[in-house]
Amino acid sequence: MKRAIRAGHPFSESLHLVAEEMDGPVGQEFRITFADLNYGNDLRRAMLGLLHRVPSIPVMALVSCILIQKDTGGDLTEILERIGKVIRERFQFQRRVKTLSAEGRLSAWILVLVPFALVIVVS
């Protein structure tokens, strides 16, 4: 979306390009949002419809930034770039937390199973 806007495409066309380029449910949701805009709905209603269909924090951040930028103005490509960076860092953080918690869970299983293994070995 950021690259399309930076290349000079309007926002609605960038939604169409994302819908065409992405596979699966992401492309389908952006296709529905693009259709909402094409059928005459305003941007706020179309983006809130996207948020209603896909209730997730990254989509909420994207919709919020687009709607705020529409009201206040500013460089949409810079905003999308920063949102993308925040979302990628958030996923990295979640993966790091999963890794560290998996290590703790493995240690817990080992500590739980050691007494039973010792009872079997001693008997």
PDB file of N, CA and C in Angstrom:
ATOM      1  N   MET A   1       0.835  -1.174   0.000  1.00  0.00           N
ATOM      2  CA  MET A   1       0.000   0.000   0.000  1.00  0.00           C
ATOM      3  C   MET A   1       0.887   1.246   0.000  1.00  0.00           C
ATOM      4  N   LYS A   2       1.935   1.209   0.824  1.00  0.00           N
ATOM      5  CA  LYS A   2       2.842   2.351   0.909  1.00  0.00           C
ATOM      6  C   LYS A   2       3.533   2.590  -0.431  1.00  0.00           C
ATOM      7  N   ARG A   3       3.978   1.517  -1.064  1.00  0.00           N
ATOM      8  CA  ARG A   3       4.677   1.658  -2.351  1.00  0.00           C
ATOM      9  C   ARG A   3       3.749   2.184  -3.434  1.00  0.00           C
ATOM     10  N   ALA A   4       2.497   1.742  -3.420  1.00  0.00           N
ATOM     11  CA  ALA A   4       1.542   2.212  -4.424  1.00  0.00           C
ATOM     12  C   ALA A   4       1.269   3.701  -4.254  1.00  0.00           C
ATOM     13  N   ILE A   5       1.115   4.142  -3.022  1.00  0.00           N
ATOM     14  CA  ILE A   5       0.860   5.561  -2.777  1.00  0.00           C
ATOM     15  C   ILE A   5       2.087   6.386  -3.129  1.00  0.00           C
ATOM     16  N   ARG A   6       3.274   5.864  -2.781  1.00  0.00           N
ATOM     17  CA  ARG A   6       4.506   6.572  -3.110  1.00  0.00           C
ATOM     18  C   ARG A   6       4.693   6.664  -4.620  1.00  0.00           C
ATOM     19  N   ALA A   7       4.197   5.660  -5.378  1.00  0.00           N
ATOM     20  CA  ALA A   7       4.311   5.677  -6.837  1.00  0.00           C
ATOM     21  C   ALA A   7       3.312   6.633  -7.482  1.00  0.00           C
ATOM     22  N   GLY A   8       2.384   7.172  -6.686  1.00  0.00           N
ATOM     23  CA  GLY A   8       1.457   8.162  -7.209  1.00  0.00           C
ATOM     24  C   GLY A   8       0.027   7.691  -7.365  1.00  0.00           C
ATOM     25  N   HIS A   9      -0.259   6.458  -6.973  1.00  0.00           N
ATOM     26  CA  HIS A   9      -1.630   5.968  -7.065  1.00  0.00           C
ATOM     27  C   HIS A   9      -2.470   6.577  -5.948  1.00  0.00           C
ATOM     28  N   PRO A  10      -3.748   6.819  -6.210  1.00  0.00           N
ATOM     29  CA  PRO A  10      -4.631   7.281  -5.122  1.00  0.00           C
ATOM     30  C   PRO A  10      -4.850   6.169  -4.107  1.00  0.00           C
ATOM     31  N   PHE A  11      -5.364   6.540  -2.945  1.00  0.00           N
ATOM     32  CA  PHE A  11      -5.524   5.572  -1.860  1.00  0.00           C
ATOM     33  C   PHE A  11      -6.437   4.420  -2.252  1.00  0.00           C
ATOM     34  N   SER A  12      -7.549   4.720  -2.907  1.00  0.00           N
ATOM     35  CA  SER A  12      -8.477   3.649  -3.285  1.00  0.00           C
ATOM     36  C   SER A  12      -7.817   2.686  -4.265  1.00  0.00           C
ATOM     37  N   GLU A  13      -6.999   3.185  -5.157  1.00  0.00           N
ATOM     38  CA  GLU A  13      -6.295   2.305  -6.093  1.00  0.00           C
ATOM     39  C   GLU A  13      -5.251   1.462  -5.370  1.00  0.00           C
ATOM     40  N   SER A  14      -4.651   2.016  -4.325  1.00  0.00           N
ATOM     41  CA  SER A  14      -3.694   1.213  -3.550  1.00  0.00           C
ATOM     42  C   SER A  14      -4.407   0.059  -2.845  1.00  0.00           C
ATOM     43  N   LEU A  15      -5.648   0.288  -2.387  1.00  0.00           N
ATOM     44  CA  LEU A  15      -6.435  -0.813  -1.822  1.00  0.00           C
ATOM     45  C   LEU A  15      -6.694  -1.886  -2.874  1.00  0.00           C
ATOM     46  N   HIS A  16      -6.996  -1.451  -4.101  1.00  0.00           N
ATOM     47  CA  HIS A  16      -7.232  -2.396  -5.178  1.00  0.00           C
ATOM     48  C   HIS A  16      -5.970  -3.197  -5.487  1.00  0.00           C
ATOM     49  N   LEU A  17      -4.819  -2.546  -5.504  1.00  0.00           N
ATOM     50  CA  LEU A  17      -3.559  -3.246  -5.770  1.00  0.00           C
ATOM     51  C   LEU A  17      -3.248  -4.260  -4.673  1.00  0.00           C
ATOM     52  N   VAL A  18      -3.498  -3.898  -3.421  1.00  0.00           N
ATOM     53  CA  VAL A  18      -3.289  -4.853  -2.323  1.00  0.00           C
ATOM     54  C   VAL A  18      -4.232  -6.031  -2.489  1.00  0.00           C
ATOM     55  N   ALA A  19      -5.474  -5.775  -2.862  1.00  0.00           N
ATOM     56  CA  ALA A  19      -6.447  -6.853  -3.047  1.00  0.00           C
ATOM     57  C   ALA A  19      -6.015  -7.794  -4.162  1.00  0.00           C
ATOM     58  N   GLU A  20      -5.431  -7.253  -5.217  1.00  0.00           N
ATOM     59  CA  GLU A  20      -5.007  -8.092  -6.338  1.00  0.00           C
ATOM     60  C   GLU A  20      -3.721  -8.856  -6.031  1.00  0.00           C
ATOM     61  N   GLU A  21      -2.816  -8.262  -5.288  1.00  0.00           N
ATOM     62  CA  GLU A  21      -1.512  -8.877  -5.045  1.00  0.00           C
ATOM     63  C   GLU A  21      -1.516  -9.890  -3.907  1.00  0.00           C
ATOM     64  N   MET A  22      -2.359  -9.685  -2.913  1.00  0.00           N
ATOM     65  CA  MET A  22      -2.359 -10.575  -1.746  1.00  0.00           C
ATOM     66  C   MET A  22      -3.279 -11.765  -1.996  1.00  0.00           C
ATOM     67  N   ASP A  23      -2.865 -12.899  -1.449  1.00  0.00           N
ATOM     68  CA  ASP A  23      -3.665 -14.111  -1.560  1.00  0.00           C
ATOM     69  C   ASP A  23      -4.499 -14.300  -0.299  1.00  0.00           C
ATOM     70  N   GLY A  24      -5.461 -15.172  -0.403  1.00  0.00           N
ATOM     71  CA  GLY A  24      -6.206 -15.615   0.767  1.00  0.00           C
ATOM     72  C   GLY A  24      -7.126 -14.568   1.346  1.00  0.00           C
ATOM     73  N   PRO A  25      -7.316 -14.645   2.664  1.00  0.00           N
ATOM     74  CA  PRO A  25      -8.298 -13.775   3.319  1.00  0.00           C
ATOM     75  C   PRO A  25      -7.905 -12.297   3.322  1.00  0.00           C
ATOM     76  N   VAL A  26      -6.599 -12.009   3.319  1.00  0.00           N
ATOM     77  CA  VAL A  26      -6.186 -10.597   3.322  1.00  0.00           C
ATOM     78  C   VAL A  26      -6.621  -9.925   2.032  1.00  0.00           C
ATOM     79  N   GLY A  27      -6.342 -10.562   0.915  1.00  0.00           N
ATOM     80  CA  GLY A  27      -6.754 -10.005  -0.366  1.00  0.00           C
ATOM     81  C   GLY A  27      -8.255  -9.869  -0.473  1.00  0.00           C
ATOM     82  N   GLN A  28      -8.969 -10.849   0.032  1.00  0.00           N
ATOM     83  CA  GLN A  28     -10.435 -10.820  -0.015  1.00  0.00           C
ATOM     84  C   GLN A  28     -10.995  -9.650   0.801  1.00  0.00           C
ATOM     85  N   GLU A  29     -10.434  -9.420   1.983  1.00  0.00           N
ATOM     86  CA  GLU A  29     -10.928  -8.317   2.820  1.00  0.00           C
ATOM     87  C   GLU A  29     -10.633  -6.963   2.186  1.00  0.00           C
ATOM     88  N   PHE A  30      -9.453  -6.807   1.607  1.00  0.00           N
ATOM     89  CA  PHE A  30      -9.148  -5.545   0.936  1.00  0.00           C
ATOM     90  C   PHE A  30      -9.994  -5.387  -0.331  1.00  0.00           C
ATOM     91  N   ARG A  31     -10.336  -6.484  -0.990  1.00  0.00           N
ATOM     92  CA  ARG A  31     -11.209  -6.434  -2.158  1.00  0.00           C
ATOM     93  C   ARG A  31     -12.601  -5.943  -1.742  1.00  0.00           C
ATOM     94  N   ILE A  32     -13.097  -6.427  -0.617  1.00  0.00           N
ATOM     95  CA  ILE A  32     -14.410  -5.983  -0.122  1.00  0.00           C
ATOM     96  C   ILE A  32     -14.362  -4.495   0.243  1.00  0.00           C
ATOM     97  N   THR A  33     -13.265  -4.074   0.881  1.00  0.00           N
ATOM     98  CA  THR A  33     -13.121  -2.665   1.253  1.00  0.00           C
ATOM     99  C   THR A  33     -13.049  -1.783   0.011  1.00  0.00           C
ATOM    100  N   PHE A  34     -12.308  -2.232  -1.007  1.00  0.00           N
ATOM    101  CA  PHE A  34     -12.232  -1.482  -2.265  1.00  0.00           C
ATOM    102  C   PHE A  34     -13.605  -1.400  -2.923  1.00  0.00           C
ATOM    103  N   ALA A  35     -14.357  -2.493  -2.886  1.00  0.00           N
ATOM    104  CA  ALA A  35     -15.703  -2.493  -3.470  1.00  0.00           C
ATOM    105  C   ALA A  35     -16.608  -1.520  -2.714  1.00  0.00           C
ATOM    106  N   ASP A  36     -16.465  -1.469  -1.377  1.00  0.00           N
ATOM    107  CA  ASP A  36     -17.248  -0.503  -0.591  1.00  0.00           C
ATOM    108  C   ASP A  36     -16.973   0.926  -1.053  1.00  0.00           C
ATOM    109  N   LEU A  37     -15.714   1.234  -1.267  1.00  0.00           N
ATOM    110  CA  LEU A  37     -15.363   2.584  -1.729  1.00  0.00           C
ATOM    111  C   LEU A  37     -15.887   2.837  -3.139  1.00  0.00           C
ATOM    112  N   ASN A  38     -15.797   1.838  -3.998  1.00  0.00           N
ATOM    113  CA  ASN A  38     -16.278   2.004  -5.375  1.00  0.00           C
ATOM    114  C   ASN A  38     -17.781   2.168  -5.460  1.00  0.00           C
ATOM    115  N   TYR A  39     -18.518   1.548  -4.551  1.00  0.00           N
ATOM    116  CA  TYR A  39     -19.970   1.632  -4.580  1.00  0.00           C
ATOM    117  C   TYR A  39     -20.511   2.886  -3.922  1.00  0.00           C
ATOM    118  N   GLY A  40     -19.614   3.765  -3.489  1.00  0.00           N
ATOM    119  CA  GLY A  40     -20.061   5.062  -3.009  1.00  0.00           C
ATOM    120  C   GLY A  40     -19.986   5.279  -1.514  1.00  0.00           C
ATOM    121  N   ASN A  41     -19.568   4.278  -0.754  1.00  0.00           N
ATOM    122  CA  ASN A  41     -19.414   4.509   0.685  1.00  0.00           C
ATOM    123  C   ASN A  41     -18.231   5.434   0.925  1.00  0.00           C
ATOM    124  N   ASP A  42     -18.296   6.181   2.009  1.00  0.00           N
ATOM    125  CA  ASP A  42     -17.170   7.033   2.334  1.00  0.00           C
ATOM    126  C   ASP A  42     -16.046   6.191   2.951  1.00  0.00           C
ATOM    127  N   LEU A  43     -14.887   6.792   3.040  1.00  0.00           N
ATOM    128  CA  LEU A  43     -13.696   6.079   3.515  1.00  0.00           C
ATOM    129  C   LEU A  43     -13.873   5.599   4.945  1.00  0.00           C
ATOM    130  N   ARG A  44     -14.479   6.418   5.786  1.00  0.00           N
ATOM    131  CA  ARG A  44     -14.663   6.046   7.194  1.00  0.00           C
ATOM    132  C   ARG A  44     -15.516   4.776   7.310  1.00  0.00           C
ATOM    133  N   ARG A  45     -16.608   4.709   6.590  1.00  0.00           N
ATOM    134  CA  ARG A  45     -17.487   3.544   6.669  1.00  0.00           C
ATOM    135  C   ARG A  45     -16.796   2.296   6.109  1.00  0.00           C
ATOM    136  N   ALA A  46     -16.064   2.452   5.019  1.00  0.00           N
ATOM    137  CA  ALA A  46     -15.384   1.301   4.418  1.00  0.00           C
ATOM    138  C   ALA A  46     -14.290   0.765   5.346  1.00  0.00           C
ATOM    139  N   MET A  47     -13.522   1.664   5.954  1.00  0.00           N
ATOM    140  CA  MET A  47     -12.433   1.222   6.834  1.00  0.00           C
ATOM    141  C   MET A  47     -12.982   0.638   8.134  1.00  0.00           C
ATOM    142  N   LEU A  48     -14.050   1.213   8.658  1.00  0.00           N
ATOM    143  CA  LEU A  48     -14.654   0.643   9.859  1.00  0.00           C
ATOM    144  C   LEU A  48     -15.291  -0.716   9.561  1.00  0.00           C
ATOM    145  N   GLY A  49     -15.769  -0.890   8.332  1.00  0.00           N
ATOM    146  CA  GLY A  49     -16.275  -2.201   7.920  1.00  0.00           C
ATOM    147  C   GLY A  49     -15.148  -3.221   7.894  1.00  0.00           C
ATOM    148  N   LEU A  50     -13.980  -2.817   7.415  1.00  0.00           N
ATOM    149  CA  LEU A  50     -12.810  -3.698   7.437  1.00  0.00           C
ATOM    150  C   LEU A  50     -12.453  -4.072   8.866  1.00  0.00           C
ATOM    151  N   LEU A  51     -12.465  -3.108   9.754  1.00  0.00           N
ATOM    152  CA  LEU A  51     -12.145  -3.372  11.157  1.00  0.00           C
ATOM    153  C   LEU A  51     -13.193  -4.279  11.797  1.00  0.00           C
ATOM    154  N   HIS A  52     -14.445  -4.115  11.415  1.00  0.00           N
ATOM    155  CA  HIS A  52     -15.512  -4.961  11.963  1.00  0.00           C
ATOM    156  C   HIS A  52     -15.361  -6.409  11.484  1.00  0.00           C
ATOM    157  N   ARG A  53     -14.961  -6.578  10.223  1.00  0.00           N
ATOM    158  CA  ARG A  53     -14.793  -7.931   9.681  1.00  0.00           C
ATOM    159  C   ARG A  53     -13.528  -8.604  10.193  1.00  0.00           C
ATOM    160  N   VAL A  54     -12.463  -7.817  10.435  1.00  0.00           N
ATOM    161  CA  VAL A  54     -11.183  -8.359  10.878  1.00  0.00           C
ATOM    162  C   VAL A  54     -10.804  -7.678  12.193  1.00  0.00           C
ATOM    163  N   PRO A  55     -11.335  -8.148  13.315  1.00  0.00           N
ATOM    164  CA  PRO A  55     -11.039  -7.482  14.595  1.00  0.00           C
ATOM    165  C   PRO A  55      -9.676  -7.902  15.143  1.00  0.00           C
ATOM    166  N   SER A  56      -8.632  -7.222  14.691  1.00  0.00           N
ATOM    167  CA  SER A  56      -7.289  -7.499  15.200  1.00  0.00           C
ATOM    168  C   SER A  56      -6.573  -6.179  15.458  1.00  0.00           C
ATOM    169  N   ILE A  57      -5.569  -6.241  16.283  1.00  0.00           N
ATOM    170  CA  ILE A  57      -4.851  -5.020  16.666  1.00  0.00           C
ATOM    171  C   ILE A  57      -4.112  -4.395  15.485  1.00  0.00           C
ATOM    172  N   PRO A  58      -3.415  -5.173  14.620  1.00  0.00           N
ATOM    173  CA  PRO A  58      -2.760  -4.520  13.473  1.00  0.00           C
ATOM    174  C   PRO A  58      -3.754  -3.821  12.538  1.00  0.00           C
ATOM    175  N   VAL A  59      -4.905  -4.437  12.304  1.00  0.00           N
ATOM    176  CA  VAL A  59      -5.903  -3.799  11.436  1.00  0.00           C
ATOM    177  C   VAL A  59      -6.476  -2.562  12.113  1.00  0.00           C
ATOM    178  N   MET A  60      -6.662  -2.637  13.430  1.00  0.00           N
ATOM    179  CA  MET A  60      -7.156  -1.474  14.160  1.00  0.00           C
ATOM    180  C   MET A  60      -6.152  -0.314  14.054  1.00  0.00           C
ATOM    181  N   ALA A  61      -4.866  -0.615  14.155  1.00  0.00           N
ATOM    182  CA  ALA A  61      -3.844   0.429  14.030  1.00  0.00           C
ATOM    183  C   ALA A  61      -3.860   1.021  12.623  1.00  0.00           C
ATOM    184  N   LEU A  62      -3.969   0.168  11.609  1.00  0.00           N
ATOM    185  CA  LEU A  62      -4.006   0.646  10.227  1.00  0.00           C
ATOM    186  C   LEU A  62      -5.221   1.536   9.988  1.00  0.00           C
ATOM    187  N   VAL A  63      -6.389   1.088  10.400  1.00  0.00           N
ATOM    188  CA  VAL A  63      -7.618   1.854  10.185  1.00  0.00           C
ATOM    189  C   VAL A  63      -7.563   3.173  10.945  1.00  0.00           C
ATOM    190  N   SER A  64      -7.087   3.127  12.185  1.00  0.00           N
ATOM    191  CA  SER A  64      -7.005   4.364  12.972  1.00  0.00           C
ATOM    192  C   SER A  64      -6.088   5.379  12.312  1.00  0.00           C
ATOM    193  N   CYS A  65      -4.939   4.925  11.859  1.00  0.00           N
ATOM    194  CA  CYS A  65      -3.992   5.850  11.225  1.00  0.00           C
ATOM    195  C   CYS A  65      -4.540   6.423   9.928  1.00  0.00           C
ATOM    196  N   ILE A  66      -5.195   5.603   9.140  1.00  0.00           N
ATOM    197  CA  ILE A  66      -5.752   6.106   7.878  1.00  0.00           C
ATOM    198  C   ILE A  66      -6.851   7.123   8.146  1.00  0.00           C
ATOM    199  N   LEU A  67      -7.708   6.841   9.121  1.00  0.00           N
ATOM    200  CA  LEU A  67      -8.802   7.776   9.412  1.00  0.00           C
ATOM    201  C   LEU A  67      -8.286   9.072  10.026  1.00  0.00           C
ATOM    202  N   ILE A  68      -7.281   8.981  10.895  1.00  0.00           N
ATOM    203  CA  ILE A  68      -6.707  10.192  11.479  1.00  0.00           C
ATOM    204  C   ILE A  68      -6.006  11.010  10.409  1.00  0.00           C
ATOM    205  N   GLN A  69      -5.280  10.345   9.517  1.00  0.00           N
ATOM    206  CA  GLN A  69      -4.596  11.058   8.437  1.00  0.00           C
ATOM    207  C   GLN A  69      -5.601  11.735   7.524  1.00  0.00           C
ATOM    208  N   LYS A  70      -6.743  11.092   7.286  1.00  0.00           N
ATOM    209  CA  LYS A  70      -7.775  11.694   6.443  1.00  0.00           C
ATOM    210  C   LYS A  70      -8.300  12.984   7.067  1.00  0.00           C
ATOM    211  N   ASP A  71      -8.453  12.985   8.387  1.00  0.00           N
ATOM    212  CA  ASP A  71      -8.992  14.159   9.064  1.00  0.00           C
ATOM    213  C   ASP A  71      -7.961  15.266   9.243  1.00  0.00           C
ATOM    214  N   THR A  72      -6.728  14.885   9.572  1.00  0.00           N
ATOM    215  CA  THR A  72      -5.725  15.895   9.908  1.00  0.00           C
ATOM    216  C   THR A  72      -4.751  16.194   8.784  1.00  0.00           C
ATOM    217  N   GLY A  73      -4.598  15.271   7.839  1.00  0.00           N
ATOM    218  CA  GLY A  73      -3.637  15.466   6.766  1.00  0.00           C
ATOM    219  C   GLY A  73      -2.276  14.922   7.161  1.00  0.00           C
ATOM    220  N   GLY A  74      -1.334  15.049   6.287  1.00  0.00           N
ATOM    221  CA  GLY A  74       0.009  14.561   6.539  1.00  0.00           C
ATOM    222  C   GLY A  74       0.440  13.596   5.457  1.00  0.00           C
ATOM    223  N   ASP A  75       1.633  13.050   5.638  1.00  0.00           N
ATOM    224  CA  ASP A  75       2.216  12.151   4.655  1.00  0.00           C
ATOM    225  C   ASP A  75       1.772  10.717   4.955  1.00  0.00           C
ATOM    226  N   LEU A  76       0.863  10.197   4.148  1.00  0.00           N
ATOM    227  CA  LEU A  76       0.321   8.857   4.384  1.00  0.00           C
ATOM    228  C   LEU A  76       1.383   7.780   4.212  1.00  0.00           C
ATOM    229  N   THR A  77       2.318   7.965   3.288  1.00  0.00           N
ATOM    230  CA  THR A  77       3.356   6.942   3.107  1.00  0.00           C
ATOM    231  C   THR A  77       4.229   6.817   4.344  1.00  0.00           C
ATOM    232  N   GLU A  78       4.558   7.939   4.958  1.00  0.00           N
ATOM    233  CA  GLU A  78       5.367   7.899   6.180  1.00  0.00           C
ATOM    234  C   GLU A  78       4.584   7.229   7.320  1.00  0.00           C
ATOM    235  N   ILE A  79       3.314   7.530   7.415  1.00  0.00           N
ATOM    236  CA  ILE A  79       2.481   6.933   8.457  1.00  0.00           C
ATOM    237  C   ILE A  79       2.390   5.419   8.253  1.00  0.00           C
ATOM    238  N   LEU A  80       2.160   4.984   7.017  1.00  0.00           N
ATOM    239  CA  LEU A  80       2.078   3.548   6.735  1.00  0.00           C
ATOM    240  C   LEU A  80       3.407   2.852   6.992  1.00  0.00           C
ATOM    241  N   GLU A  81       4.496   3.533   6.678  1.00  0.00           N
ATOM    242  CA  GLU A  81       5.822   2.954   6.939  1.00  0.00           C
ATOM    243  C   GLU A  81       6.041   2.750   8.435  1.00  0.00           C
ATOM    244  N   ARG A  82       5.676   3.731   9.231  1.00  0.00           N
ATOM    245  CA  ARG A  82       5.847   3.609  10.686  1.00  0.00           C
ATOM    246  C   ARG A  82       4.923   2.550  11.275  1.00  0.00           C
ATOM    247  N   ILE A  83       3.689   2.485  10.786  1.00  0.00           N
ATOM    248  CA  ILE A  83       2.761   1.456  11.265  1.00  0.00           C
ATOM    249  C   ILE A  83       3.285   0.074  10.921  1.00  0.00           C
ATOM    250  N   GLY A  84       3.804  -0.090   9.708  1.00  0.00           N
ATOM    251  CA  GLY A  84       4.377  -1.372   9.321  1.00  0.00           C
ATOM    252  C   GLY A  84       5.543  -1.764  10.205  1.00  0.00           C
ATOM    253  N   LYS A  85       6.377  -0.793  10.524  1.00  0.00           N
ATOM    254  CA  LYS A  85       7.518  -1.064  11.407  1.00  0.00           C
ATOM    255  C   LYS A  85       7.047  -1.475  12.799  1.00  0.00           C
ATOM    256  N   VAL A  86       6.058  -0.779  13.338  1.00  0.00           N
ATOM    257  CA  VAL A  86       5.528  -1.107  14.666  1.00  0.00           C
ATOM    258  C   VAL A  86       4.909  -2.505  14.672  1.00  0.00           C
ATOM    259  N   ILE A  87       4.160  -2.838  13.627  1.00  0.00           N
ATOM    260  CA  ILE A  87       3.522  -4.148  13.560  1.00  0.00           C
ATOM    261  C   ILE A  87       4.571  -5.248  13.458  1.00  0.00           C
ATOM    262  N   ARG A  88       5.614  -5.046  12.630  1.00  0.00           N
ATOM    263  CA  ARG A  88       6.684  -6.051  12.526  1.00  0.00           C
ATOM    264  C   ARG A  88       7.413  -6.223  13.847  1.00  0.00           C
ATOM    265  N   GLU A  89       7.707  -5.116  14.549  1.00  0.00           N
ATOM    266  CA  GLU A  89       8.371  -5.212  15.848  1.00  0.00           C
ATOM    267  C   GLU A  89       7.484  -5.909  16.873  1.00  0.00           C
ATOM    268  N   ARG A  90       6.196  -5.688  16.773  1.00  0.00           N
ATOM    269  CA  ARG A  90       5.262  -6.342  17.696  1.00  0.00           C
ATOM    270  C   ARG A  90       5.263  -7.853  17.484  1.00  0.00           C
ATOM    271  N   PHE A  91       5.271  -8.297  16.218  1.00  0.00           N
ATOM    272  CA  PHE A  91       5.334  -9.729  15.928  1.00  0.00           C
ATOM    273  C   PHE A  91       6.661 -10.324  16.404  1.00  0.00           C
ATOM    274  N   GLN A  92       7.764  -9.593  16.228  1.00  0.00           N
ATOM    275  CA  GLN A  92       9.057 -10.073  16.723  1.00  0.00           C
ATOM    276  C   GLN A  92       9.027 -10.226  18.232  1.00  0.00           C
ATOM    277  N   PHE A  93       8.432  -9.274  18.915  1.00  0.00           N
ATOM    278  CA  PHE A  93       8.339  -9.345  20.369  1.00  0.00           C
ATOM    279  C   PHE A  93       7.497 -10.543  20.802  1.00  0.00           C
ATOM    280  N   GLN A  94       6.373 -10.774  20.123  1.00  0.00           N
ATOM    281  CA  GLN A  94       5.528 -11.925  20.455  1.00  0.00           C
ATOM    282  C   GLN A  94       6.270 -13.236  20.236  1.00  0.00           C
ATOM    283  N   ARG A  95       7.069 -13.323  19.154  1.00  0.00           N
ATOM    284  CA  ARG A  95       7.855 -14.541  18.925  1.00  0.00           C
ATOM    285  C   ARG A  95       8.905 -14.725  20.009  1.00  0.00           C
ATOM    286  N   ARG A  96       9.522 -13.636  20.440  1.00  0.00           N
ATOM    287  CA  ARG A  96      10.525 -13.715  21.498  1.00  0.00           C
ATOM    288  C   ARG A  96       9.885 -14.184  22.807  1.00  0.00           C
ATOM    289  N   VAL A  97       8.703 -13.674  23.126  1.00  0.00           N
ATOM    290  CA  VAL A  97       7.999 -14.087  24.341  1.00  0.00           C
ATOM    291  C   VAL A  97       7.634 -15.565  24.260  1.00  0.00           C
ATOM    292  N   LYS A  98       7.159 -16.030  23.102  1.00  0.00           N
ATOM    293  CA  LYS A  98       6.833 -17.445  22.939  1.00  0.00           C
ATOM    294  C   LYS A  98       8.063 -18.314  23.135  1.00  0.00           C
ATOM    295  N   THR A  99       9.194 -17.878  22.597  1.00  0.00           N
ATOM    296  CA  THR A  99      10.420 -18.653  22.735  1.00  0.00           C
ATOM    297  C   THR A  99      10.844 -18.749  24.189  1.00  0.00           C
ATOM    298  N   LEU A 100      10.841 -17.628  24.882  1.00  0.00           N
ATOM    299  CA  LEU A 100      11.264 -17.633  26.283  1.00  0.00           C
ATOM    300  C   LEU A 100      10.283 -18.394  27.162  1.00  0.00           C
ATOM    301  N   SER A 101       9.001 -18.288  26.881  1.00  0.00           N
ATOM    302  CA  SER A 101       8.036 -19.027  27.694  1.00  0.00           C
ATOM    303  C   SER A 101       8.087 -20.525  27.380  1.00  0.00           C
ATOM    304  N   ALA A 102       8.436 -20.897  26.149  1.00  0.00           N
ATOM    305  CA  ALA A 102       8.577 -22.314  25.817  1.00  0.00           C
ATOM    306  C   ALA A 102       9.733 -22.925  26.599  1.00  0.00           C
ATOM    307  N   GLU A 103      10.794 -22.178  26.768  1.00  0.00           N
ATOM    308  CA  GLU A 103      11.925 -22.658  27.569  1.00  0.00           C
ATOM    309  C   GLU A 103      11.491 -22.892  29.019  1.00  0.00           C
ATOM    310  N   GLY A 104      10.708 -21.992  29.557  1.00  0.00           N
ATOM    311  CA  GLY A 104      10.201 -22.148  30.924  1.00  0.00           C
ATOM    312  C   GLY A 104       9.249 -23.326  31.055  1.00  0.00           C
ATOM    313  N   ARG A 105       8.387 -23.509  30.058  1.00  0.00           N
ATOM    314  CA  ARG A 105       7.459 -24.647  30.083  1.00  0.00           C
ATOM    315  C   ARG A 105       8.203 -25.971  30.018  1.00  0.00           C
ATOM    316  N   LEU A 106       9.259 -26.043  29.191  1.00  0.00           N
ATOM    317  CA  LEU A 106      10.051 -27.261  29.101  1.00  0.00           C
ATOM    318  C   LEU A 106      10.731 -27.554  30.430  1.00  0.00           C
ATOM    319  N   SER A 107      11.277 -26.530  31.059  1.00  0.00           N
ATOM    320  CA  SER A 107      11.907 -26.719  32.376  1.00  0.00           C
ATOM    321  C   SER A 107      10.882 -27.205  33.399  1.00  0.00           C
ATOM    322  N   ALA A 108       9.683 -26.676  33.349  1.00  0.00           N
ATOM    323  CA  ALA A 108       8.639 -27.093  34.283  1.00  0.00           C
ATOM    324  C   ALA A 108       8.276 -28.562  34.069  1.00  0.00           C
ATOM    325  N   TRP A 109       8.138 -28.990  32.821  1.00  0.00           N
ATOM    326  CA  TRP A 109       7.825 -30.396  32.551  1.00  0.00           C
ATOM    327  C   TRP A 109       8.936 -31.320  33.044  1.00  0.00           C
ATOM    328  N   ILE A 110      10.170 -30.896  32.826  1.00  0.00           N
ATOM    329  CA  ILE A 110      11.296 -31.722  33.290  1.00  0.00           C
ATOM    330  C   ILE A 110      11.270 -31.841  34.804  1.00  0.00           C
ATOM    331  N   LEU A 111      11.051 -30.718  35.494  1.00  0.00           N
ATOM    332  CA  LEU A 111      11.018 -30.755  36.957  1.00  0.00           C
ATOM    333  C   LEU A 111       9.838 -31.576  37.487  1.00  0.00           C
ATOM    334  N   VAL A 112       8.742 -31.584  36.765  1.00  0.00           N
ATOM    335  CA  VAL A 112       7.587 -32.382  37.190  1.00  0.00           C
ATOM    336  C   VAL A 112       7.853 -33.867  36.957  1.00  0.00           C
ATOM    337  N   LEU A 113       8.510 -34.223  35.893  1.00  0.00           N
ATOM    338  CA  LEU A 113       8.724 -35.628  35.546  1.00  0.00           C
ATOM    339  C   LEU A 113       9.921 -36.275  36.245  1.00  0.00           C
ATOM    340  N   VAL A 114      10.880 -35.477  36.733  1.00  0.00           N
ATOM    341  CA  VAL A 114      12.067 -36.032  37.399  1.00  0.00           C
ATOM    342  C   VAL A 114      11.697 -36.900  38.614  1.00  0.00           C
ATOM    343  N   PRO A 115      10.824 -36.479  39.524  1.00  0.00           N
ATOM    344  CA  PRO A 115      10.504 -37.365  40.667  1.00  0.00           C
ATOM    345  C   PRO A 115       9.928 -38.715  40.231  1.00  0.00           C
ATOM    346  N   PHE A 116       9.060 -38.703  39.232  1.00  0.00           N
ATOM    347  CA  PHE A 116       8.493 -39.977  38.753  1.00  0.00           C
ATOM    348  C   PHE A 116       9.570 -40.867  38.128  1.00  0.00           C
ATOM    349  N   ALA A 117      10.473 -40.245  37.379  1.00  0.00           N
ATOM    350  CA  ALA A 117      11.565 -41.020  36.779  1.00  0.00           C
ATOM    351  C   ALA A 117      12.472 -41.589  37.860  1.00  0.00           C
ATOM    352  N   LEU A 118      12.745 -40.810  38.906  1.00  0.00           N
ATOM    353  CA  LEU A 118      13.590 -41.312  40.003  1.00  0.00           C
ATOM    354  C   LEU A 118      12.919 -42.455  40.749  1.00  0.00           C
ATOM    355  N   VAL A 119      11.597 -42.394  40.939  1.00  0.00           N
ATOM    356  CA  VAL A 119      10.880 -43.467  41.602  1.00  0.00           C
ATOM    357  C   VAL A 119      10.995 -44.741  40.765  1.00  0.00           C
ATOM    358  N   ILE A 120      10.872 -44.626  39.468  1.00  0.00           N
ATOM    359  CA  ILE A 120      10.982 -45.798  38.592  1.00  0.00           C
ATOM    360  C   ILE A 120      12.381 -46.360  38.634  1.00  0.00           C
ATOM    361  N   VAL A 121      13.403 -45.496  38.592  1.00  0.00           N
ATOM    362  CA  VAL A 121      14.800 -45.962  38.596  1.00  0.00           C
ATOM    363  C   VAL A 121      15.131 -46.608  39.938  1.00  0.00           C
ATOM    364  N   VAL A 122      14.698 -46.027  41.041  1.00  0.00           N
ATOM    365  CA  VAL A 122      15.024 -46.571  42.369  1.00  0.00           C
ATOM    366  C   VAL A 122      14.305 -47.895  42.586  1.00  0.00           C
ATOM    367  N   SER A 123      13.072 -48.019  42.137  1.00  0.00           N
ATOM    368  CA  SER A 123      12.329 -49.258  42.370  1.00  0.00           C
ATOM    369  C   SER A 123      12.800 -50.311  41.395  1.00  0.00           C
TER     370      SER A 123
END
